[in-house]
Amino acid sequence: MTKTLTATYDGEVLRPDEPLELPPNTRVQISIDIGERQRNESVSFLEVARNLRLEGPADWSTRIHEYLYGFPPDQDE
């Protein structure tokens, strides 16, 4: 018998989205097809930023104020 189902991996085990009509301790063979992310599933900002593959100068993070506004920040701040 072949049955297709959806499940979520919680970091330790696969959890079926619906109950399975199988007796406990039944051995099964599993093929994994990682589906597309659901529209309502949240995505972290860092994941989105990494996927953009942005390029910039190596010192971007230390001179961000200068790159954004054209001058270094005041030292008094």
PDB file of N, CA and C in Angstrom:
ATOM      1  N   MET A   1       0.847  -1.175   0.000  1.00  0.00           N
ATOM      2  CA  MET A   1       0.000   0.000   0.000  1.00  0.00           C
ATOM      3  C   MET A   1       0.896   1.244   0.000  1.00  0.00           C
ATOM      4  N   THR A   2       0.548   2.219  -0.806  1.00  0.00           N
ATOM      5  CA  THR A   2       1.271   3.491  -0.848  1.00  0.00           C
ATOM      6  C   THR A   2       0.312   4.600  -0.458  1.00  0.00           C
ATOM      7  N   LYS A   3       0.767   5.468   0.434  1.00  0.00           N
ATOM      8  CA  LYS A   3      -0.049   6.606   0.871  1.00  0.00           C
ATOM      9  C   LYS A   3       0.845   7.826   0.907  1.00  0.00           C
ATOM     10  N   THR A   4       0.363   8.932   0.359  1.00  0.00           N
ATOM     11  CA  THR A   4       1.087  10.197   0.398  1.00  0.00           C
ATOM     12  C   THR A   4       0.498  11.043   1.510  1.00  0.00           C
ATOM     13  N   LEU A   5       1.375  11.607   2.329  1.00  0.00           N
ATOM     14  CA  LEU A   5       0.910  12.451   3.417  1.00  0.00           C
ATOM     15  C   LEU A   5       1.880  13.597   3.603  1.00  0.00           C
ATOM     16  N   THR A   6       1.471  14.589   4.347  1.00  0.00           N
ATOM     17  CA  THR A   6       2.351  15.703   4.682  1.00  0.00           C
ATOM     18  C   THR A   6       2.692  15.607   6.160  1.00  0.00           C
ATOM     19  N   ALA A   7       3.899  16.060   6.479  1.00  0.00           N
ATOM     20  CA  ALA A   7       4.365  15.994   7.860  1.00  0.00           C
ATOM     21  C   ALA A   7       5.288  17.175   8.102  1.00  0.00           C
ATOM     22  N   THR A   8       5.565  17.431   9.368  1.00  0.00           N
ATOM     23  CA  THR A   8       6.468  18.501   9.774  1.00  0.00           C
ATOM     24  C   THR A   8       7.590  17.890  10.595  1.00  0.00           C
ATOM     25  N   TYR A   9       8.817  18.266  10.262  1.00  0.00           N
ATOM     26  CA  TYR A   9       9.975  17.805  11.023  1.00  0.00           C
ATOM     27  C   TYR A   9      10.226  18.810  12.136  1.00  0.00           C
ATOM     28  N   ASP A  10      10.184  18.380  13.396  1.00  0.00           N
ATOM     29  CA  ASP A  10      10.326  19.297  14.531  1.00  0.00           C
ATOM     30  C   ASP A  10      11.757  19.376  15.067  1.00  0.00           C
ATOM     31  N   GLY A  11      12.700  18.832  14.320  1.00  0.00           N
ATOM     32  CA  GLY A  11      14.083  18.836  14.754  1.00  0.00           C
ATOM     33  C   GLY A  11      14.505  17.489  15.313  1.00  0.00           C
ATOM     34  N   GLU A  12      13.541  16.634  15.620  1.00  0.00           N
ATOM     35  CA  GLU A  12      13.837  15.300  16.134  1.00  0.00           C
ATOM     36  C   GLU A  12      13.059  14.217  15.400  1.00  0.00           C
ATOM     37  N   VAL A  13      11.777  14.451  15.187  1.00  0.00           N
ATOM     38  CA  VAL A  13      10.933  13.435  14.543  1.00  0.00           C
ATOM     39  C   VAL A  13      10.020  14.089  13.508  1.00  0.00           C
ATOM     40  N   LEU A  14       9.536  13.262  12.568  1.00  0.00           N
ATOM     41  CA  LEU A  14       8.515  13.718  11.622  1.00  0.00           C
ATOM     42  C   LEU A  14       7.153  13.564  12.276  1.00  0.00           C
ATOM     43  N   ARG A  15       6.357  14.610  12.233  1.00  0.00           N
ATOM     44  CA  ARG A  15       5.011  14.568  12.811  1.00  0.00           C
ATOM     45  C   ARG A  15       3.993  14.712  11.680  1.00  0.00           C
ATOM     46  N   PRO A  16       3.216  13.652  11.393  1.00  0.00           N
ATOM     47  CA  PRO A  16       2.213  13.734  10.331  1.00  0.00           C
ATOM     48  C   PRO A  16       1.183  14.816  10.640  1.00  0.00           C
ATOM     49  N   ASP A  17       0.733  15.504   9.577  1.00  0.00           N
ATOM     50  CA  ASP A  17      -0.282  16.543   9.750  1.00  0.00           C
ATOM     51  C   ASP A  17      -1.658  15.943  10.042  1.00  0.00           C
ATOM     52  N   GLU A  18      -1.857  14.680   9.689  1.00  0.00           N
ATOM     53  CA  GLU A  18      -3.114  13.988   9.947  1.00  0.00           C
ATOM     54  C   GLU A  18      -2.801  12.653  10.626  1.00  0.00           C
ATOM     55  N   PRO A  19      -3.737  12.110  11.395  1.00  0.00           N
ATOM     56  CA  PRO A  19      -3.496  10.808  12.022  1.00  0.00           C
ATOM     57  C   PRO A  19      -3.288   9.715  10.965  1.00  0.00           C
ATOM     58  N   LEU A  20      -2.430   8.756  11.274  1.00  0.00           N
ATOM     59  CA  LEU A  20      -2.210   7.621  10.389  1.00  0.00           C
ATOM     60  C   LEU A  20      -3.007   6.429  10.890  1.00  0.00           C
ATOM     61  N   GLU A  21      -3.611   5.716   9.976  1.00  0.00           N
ATOM     62  CA  GLU A  21      -4.374   4.531  10.355  1.00  0.00           C
ATOM     63  C   GLU A  21      -3.452   3.323  10.301  1.00  0.00           C
ATOM     64  N   LEU A  22      -2.477   3.315  11.201  1.00  0.00           N
ATOM     65  CA  LEU A  22      -1.511   2.226  11.283  1.00  0.00           C
ATOM     66  C   LEU A  22      -1.420   1.758  12.733  1.00  0.00           C
ATOM     67  N   PRO A  23      -1.242   0.471  12.931  1.00  0.00           N
ATOM     68  CA  PRO A  23      -1.041   0.003  14.301  1.00  0.00           C
ATOM     69  C   PRO A  23       0.318   0.472  14.826  1.00  0.00           C
ATOM     70  N   PRO A  24       0.465   0.652  16.139  1.00  0.00           N
ATOM     71  CA  PRO A  24       1.750   1.048  16.711  1.00  0.00           C
ATOM     72  C   PRO A  24       2.858   0.073  16.306  1.00  0.00           C
ATOM     73  N   ASN A  25       4.064   0.589  16.174  1.00  0.00           N
ATOM     74  CA  ASN A  25       5.268  -0.169  15.837  1.00  0.00           C
ATOM     75  C   ASN A  25       5.259  -0.763  14.430  1.00  0.00           C
ATOM     76  N   THR A  26       4.405  -0.249  13.549  1.00  0.00           N
ATOM     77  CA  THR A  26       4.413  -0.687  12.156  1.00  0.00           C
ATOM     78  C   THR A  26       5.609  -0.054  11.456  1.00  0.00           C
ATOM     79  N   ARG A  27       6.422  -0.866  10.803  1.00  0.00           N
ATOM     80  CA  ARG A  27       7.573  -0.344  10.070  1.00  0.00           C
ATOM     81  C   ARG A  27       7.089   0.160   8.721  1.00  0.00           C
ATOM     82  N   VAL A  28       7.593   1.333   8.312  1.00  0.00           N
ATOM     83  CA  VAL A  28       7.231   1.926   7.034  1.00  0.00           C
ATOM     84  C   VAL A  28       8.503   2.372   6.316  1.00  0.00           C
ATOM     85  N   GLN A  29       8.398   2.575   5.024  1.00  0.00           N
ATOM     86  CA  GLN A  29       9.493   3.127   4.237  1.00  0.00           C
ATOM     87  C   GLN A  29       9.089   4.545   3.872  1.00  0.00           C
ATOM     88  N   ILE A  30      10.003   5.512   4.082  1.00  0.00           N
ATOM     89  CA  ILE A  30       9.676   6.918   3.884  1.00  0.00           C
ATOM     90  C   ILE A  30      10.538   7.506   2.778  1.00  0.00           C
ATOM     91  N   SER A  31       9.904   8.200   1.838  1.00  0.00           N
ATOM     92  CA  SER A  31      10.599   9.010   0.833  1.00  0.00           C
ATOM     93  C   SER A  31      10.284  10.457   1.160  1.00  0.00           C
ATOM     94  N   ILE A  32      11.296  11.309   1.166  1.00  0.00           N
ATOM     95  CA  ILE A  32      11.087  12.699   1.567  1.00  0.00           C
ATOM     96  C   ILE A  32      11.171  13.616   0.356  1.00  0.00           C
ATOM     97  N   ASP A  33      10.136  14.427   0.172  1.00  0.00           N
ATOM     98  CA  ASP A  33      10.089  15.457  -0.853  1.00  0.00           C
ATOM     99  C   ASP A  33       9.828  16.760  -0.118  1.00  0.00           C
ATOM    100  N   ILE A  34      10.831  17.636  -0.065  1.00  0.00           N
ATOM    101  CA  ILE A  34      10.671  18.887   0.673  1.00  0.00           C
ATOM    102  C   ILE A  34       9.845  19.837  -0.185  1.00  0.00           C
ATOM    103  N   GLY A  35       8.642  20.149   0.286  1.00  0.00           N
ATOM    104  CA  GLY A  35       7.718  20.985  -0.463  1.00  0.00           C
ATOM    105  C   GLY A  35       8.067  22.454  -0.381  1.00  0.00           C
ATOM    106  N   GLU A  36       7.402  23.234  -1.205  1.00  0.00           N
ATOM    107  CA  GLU A  36       7.579  24.688  -1.188  1.00  0.00           C
ATOM    108  C   GLU A  36       7.041  25.246   0.118  1.00  0.00           C
ATOM    109  N   ARG A  37       7.636  26.329   0.572  1.00  0.00           N
ATOM    110  CA  ARG A  37       7.211  26.984   1.810  1.00  0.00           C
ATOM    111  C   ARG A  37       5.780  27.502   1.627  1.00  0.00           C
ATOM    112  N   GLN A  38       4.966  27.271   2.615  1.00  0.00           N
ATOM    113  CA  GLN A  38       3.590  27.752   2.551  1.00  0.00           C
ATOM    114  C   GLN A  38       3.569  29.263   2.666  1.00  0.00           C
ATOM    115  N   ARG A  39       2.612  29.885   2.012  1.00  0.00           N
ATOM    116  CA  ARG A  39       2.532  31.347   1.996  1.00  0.00           C
ATOM    117  C   ARG A  39       2.405  31.949   3.386  1.00  0.00           C
ATOM    118  N   ASN A  40       1.699  31.291   4.281  1.00  0.00           N
ATOM    119  CA  ASN A  40       1.488  31.865   5.611  1.00  0.00           C
ATOM    120  C   ASN A  40       2.612  31.519   6.586  1.00  0.00           C
ATOM    121  N   GLU A  41       3.611  30.778   6.135  1.00  0.00           N
ATOM    122  CA  GLU A  41       4.727  30.425   7.002  1.00  0.00           C
ATOM    123  C   GLU A  41       5.674  31.612   7.103  1.00  0.00           C
ATOM    124  N   SER A  42       6.041  31.980   8.305  1.00  0.00           N
ATOM    125  CA  SER A  42       6.892  33.145   8.486  1.00  0.00           C
ATOM    126  C   SER A  42       8.337  32.838   8.103  1.00  0.00           C
ATOM    127  N   VAL A  43       9.021  33.871   7.668  1.00  0.00           N
ATOM    128  CA  VAL A  43      10.423  33.771   7.263  1.00  0.00           C
ATOM    129  C   VAL A  43      11.178  34.855   8.012  1.00  0.00           C
ATOM    130  N   SER A  44      12.354  34.523   8.509  1.00  0.00           N
ATOM    131  CA  SER A  44      13.113  35.511   9.260  1.00  0.00           C
ATOM    132  C   SER A  44      13.716  36.551   8.321  1.00  0.00           C
ATOM    133  N   PHE A  45      13.921  37.757   8.831  1.00  0.00           N
ATOM    134  CA  PHE A  45      14.538  38.824   8.052  1.00  0.00           C
ATOM    135  C   PHE A  45      15.921  38.407   7.573  1.00  0.00           C
ATOM    136  N   LEU A  46      16.704  37.766   8.447  1.00  0.00           N
ATOM    137  CA  LEU A  46      18.058  37.356   8.063  1.00  0.00           C
ATOM    138  C   LEU A  46      18.046  36.348   6.925  1.00  0.00           C
ATOM    139  N   GLU A  47      17.080  35.436   6.932  1.00  0.00           N
ATOM    140  CA  GLU A  47      16.980  34.465   5.847  1.00  0.00           C
ATOM    141  C   GLU A  47      16.675  35.172   4.524  1.00  0.00           C
ATOM    142  N   VAL A  48      15.766  36.126   4.563  1.00  0.00           N
ATOM    143  CA  VAL A  48      15.442  36.895   3.356  1.00  0.00           C
ATOM    144  C   VAL A  48      16.661  37.674   2.891  1.00  0.00           C
ATOM    145  N   ALA A  49      17.347  38.347   3.803  1.00  0.00           N
ATOM    146  CA  ALA A  49      18.517  39.153   3.449  1.00  0.00           C
ATOM    147  C   ALA A  49      19.616  38.285   2.827  1.00  0.00           C
ATOM    148  N   ARG A  50      19.852  37.114   3.393  1.00  0.00           N
ATOM    149  CA  ARG A  50      20.874  36.213   2.831  1.00  0.00           C
ATOM    150  C   ARG A  50      20.511  35.775   1.424  1.00  0.00           C
ATOM    151  N   ASN A  51      19.223  35.517   1.184  1.00  0.00           N
ATOM    152  CA  ASN A  51      18.784  35.055  -0.123  1.00  0.00           C
ATOM    153  C   ASN A  51      18.844  36.145  -1.184  1.00  0.00           C
ATOM    154  N   LEU A  52      18.925  37.410  -0.774  1.00  0.00           N
ATOM    155  CA  LEU A  52      19.014  38.503  -1.748  1.00  0.00           C
ATOM    156  C   LEU A  52      20.381  38.567  -2.414  1.00  0.00           C
ATOM    157  N   ARG A  53      21.381  37.971  -1.803  1.00  0.00           N
ATOM    158  CA  ARG A  53      22.747  37.947  -2.335  1.00  0.00           C
ATOM    159  C   ARG A  53      23.255  39.365  -2.631  1.00  0.00           C
ATOM    160  N   LEU A  54      23.050  40.256  -1.668  1.00  0.00           N
ATOM    161  CA  LEU A  54      23.500  41.633  -1.827  1.00  0.00           C
ATOM    162  C   LEU A  54      25.019  41.713  -1.776  1.00  0.00           C
ATOM    163  N   GLU A  55      25.571  42.632  -2.547  1.00  0.00           N
ATOM    164  CA  GLU A  55      27.006  42.846  -2.526  1.00  0.00           C
ATOM    165  C   GLU A  55      27.270  44.281  -2.102  1.00  0.00           C
ATOM    166  N   GLY A  56      28.345  44.488  -1.398  1.00  0.00           N
ATOM    167  CA  GLY A  56      28.712  45.826  -0.943  1.00  0.00           C
ATOM    168  C   GLY A  56      30.156  45.831  -0.502  1.00  0.00           C
ATOM    169  N   PRO A  57      30.641  47.002  -0.121  1.00  0.00           N
ATOM    170  CA  PRO A  57      32.023  47.093   0.324  1.00  0.00           C
ATOM    171  C   PRO A  57      32.254  46.274   1.591  1.00  0.00           C
ATOM    172  N   ALA A  58      33.487  45.838   1.774  1.00  0.00           N
ATOM    173  CA  ALA A  58      33.834  44.998   2.927  1.00  0.00           C
ATOM    174  C   ALA A  58      33.602  45.713   4.260  1.00  0.00           C
ATOM    175  N   ASP A  59      33.721  47.040   4.275  1.00  0.00           N
ATOM    176  CA  ASP A  59      33.552  47.793   5.533  1.00  0.00           C
ATOM    177  C   ASP A  59      32.141  48.364   5.682  1.00  0.00           C
ATOM    178  N   TRP A  60      31.194  47.805   4.983  1.00  0.00           N
ATOM    179  CA  TRP A  60      29.820  48.296   4.971  1.00  0.00           C
ATOM    180  C   TRP A  60      29.250  48.430   6.382  1.00  0.00           C
ATOM    181  N   SER A  61      29.423  47.421   7.200  1.00  0.00           N
ATOM    182  CA  SER A  61      28.806  47.452   8.528  1.00  0.00           C
ATOM    183  C   SER A  61      29.441  48.489   9.452  1.00  0.00           C
ATOM    184  N   THR A  62      30.729  48.763   9.302  1.00  0.00           N
ATOM    185  CA  THR A  62      31.382  49.727  10.188  1.00  0.00           C
ATOM    186  C   THR A  62      31.226  51.164   9.702  1.00  0.00           C
ATOM    187  N   ARG A  63      30.924  51.350   8.417  1.00  0.00           N
ATOM    188  CA  ARG A  63      30.781  52.710   7.867  1.00  0.00           C
ATOM    189  C   ARG A  63      29.382  52.946   7.300  1.00  0.00           C
ATOM    190  N   ILE A  64      28.374  52.254   7.845  1.00  0.00           N
ATOM    191  CA  ILE A  64      27.020  52.342   7.310  1.00  0.00           C
ATOM    192  C   ILE A  64      26.486  53.771   7.305  1.00  0.00           C
ATOM    193  N   HIS A  65      26.757  54.539   8.353  1.00  0.00           N
ATOM    194  CA  HIS A  65      26.279  55.924   8.429  1.00  0.00           C
ATOM    195  C   HIS A  65      26.847  56.740   7.268  1.00  0.00           C
ATOM    196  N   GLU A  66      28.115  56.562   7.005  1.00  0.00           N
ATOM    197  CA  GLU A  66      28.772  57.295   5.912  1.00  0.00           C
ATOM    198  C   GLU A  66      28.192  56.888   4.555  1.00  0.00           C
ATOM    199  N   TYR A  67      27.939  55.593   4.359  1.00  0.00           N
ATOM    200  CA  TYR A  67      27.370  55.136   3.088  1.00  0.00           C
ATOM    201  C   TYR A  67      25.927  55.600   2.923  1.00  0.00           C
ATOM    202  N   LEU A  68      25.178  55.667   4.011  1.00  0.00           N
ATOM    203  CA  LEU A  68      23.779  56.093   3.915  1.00  0.00           C
ATOM    204  C   LEU A  68      23.631  57.607   3.762  1.00  0.00           C
ATOM    205  N   TYR A  69      24.425  58.371   4.532  1.00  0.00           N
ATOM    206  CA  TYR A  69      24.220  59.816   4.601  1.00  0.00           C
ATOM    207  C   TYR A  69      25.336  60.639   3.978  1.00  0.00           C
ATOM    208  N   GLY A  70      26.433  60.004   3.576  1.00  0.00           N
ATOM    209  CA  GLY A  70      27.499  60.714   2.888  1.00  0.00           C
ATOM    210  C   GLY A  70      28.560  61.321   3.783  1.00  0.00           C
ATOM    211  N   PHE A  71      28.424  61.161   5.099  1.00  0.00           N
ATOM    212  CA  PHE A  71      29.420  61.705   6.019  1.00  0.00           C
ATOM    213  C   PHE A  71      29.458  60.830   7.275  1.00  0.00           C
ATOM    214  N   PRO A  72      30.597  60.797   7.962  1.00  0.00           N
ATOM    215  CA  PRO A  72      30.684  59.978   9.179  1.00  0.00           C
ATOM    216  C   PRO A  72      29.838  60.570  10.299  1.00  0.00           C
ATOM    217  N   PRO A  73      29.393  59.762  11.241  1.00  0.00           N
ATOM    218  CA  PRO A  73      28.600  60.282  12.355  1.00  0.00           C
ATOM    219  C   PRO A  73      29.449  61.192  13.249  1.00  0.00           C
ATOM    220  N   ASP A  74      28.780  62.102  13.951  1.00  0.00           N
ATOM    221  CA  ASP A  74      29.487  62.957  14.894  1.00  0.00           C
ATOM    222  C   ASP A  74      30.079  62.104  16.010  1.00  0.00           C
ATOM    223  N   GLN A  75      31.281  62.437  16.410  1.00  0.00           N
ATOM    224  CA  GLN A  75      31.928  61.698  17.492  1.00  0.00           C
ATOM    225  C   GLN A  75      31.316  62.006  18.848  1.00  0.00           C
ATOM    226  N   ASP A  76      30.556  63.110  18.952  1.00  0.00           N
ATOM    227  CA  ASP A  76      29.951  63.507  20.232  1.00  0.00           C
ATOM    228  C   ASP A  76      28.731  62.659  20.589  1.00  0.00           C
ATOM    229  N   GLU A  77      28.164  61.967  19.634  1.00  0.00           N
ATOM    230  CA  GLU A  77      26.918  61.215  19.893  1.00  0.00           C
ATOM    231  C   GLU A  77      27.152  59.996  20.734  1.00  0.00           C
TER     232      GLU A  77
END
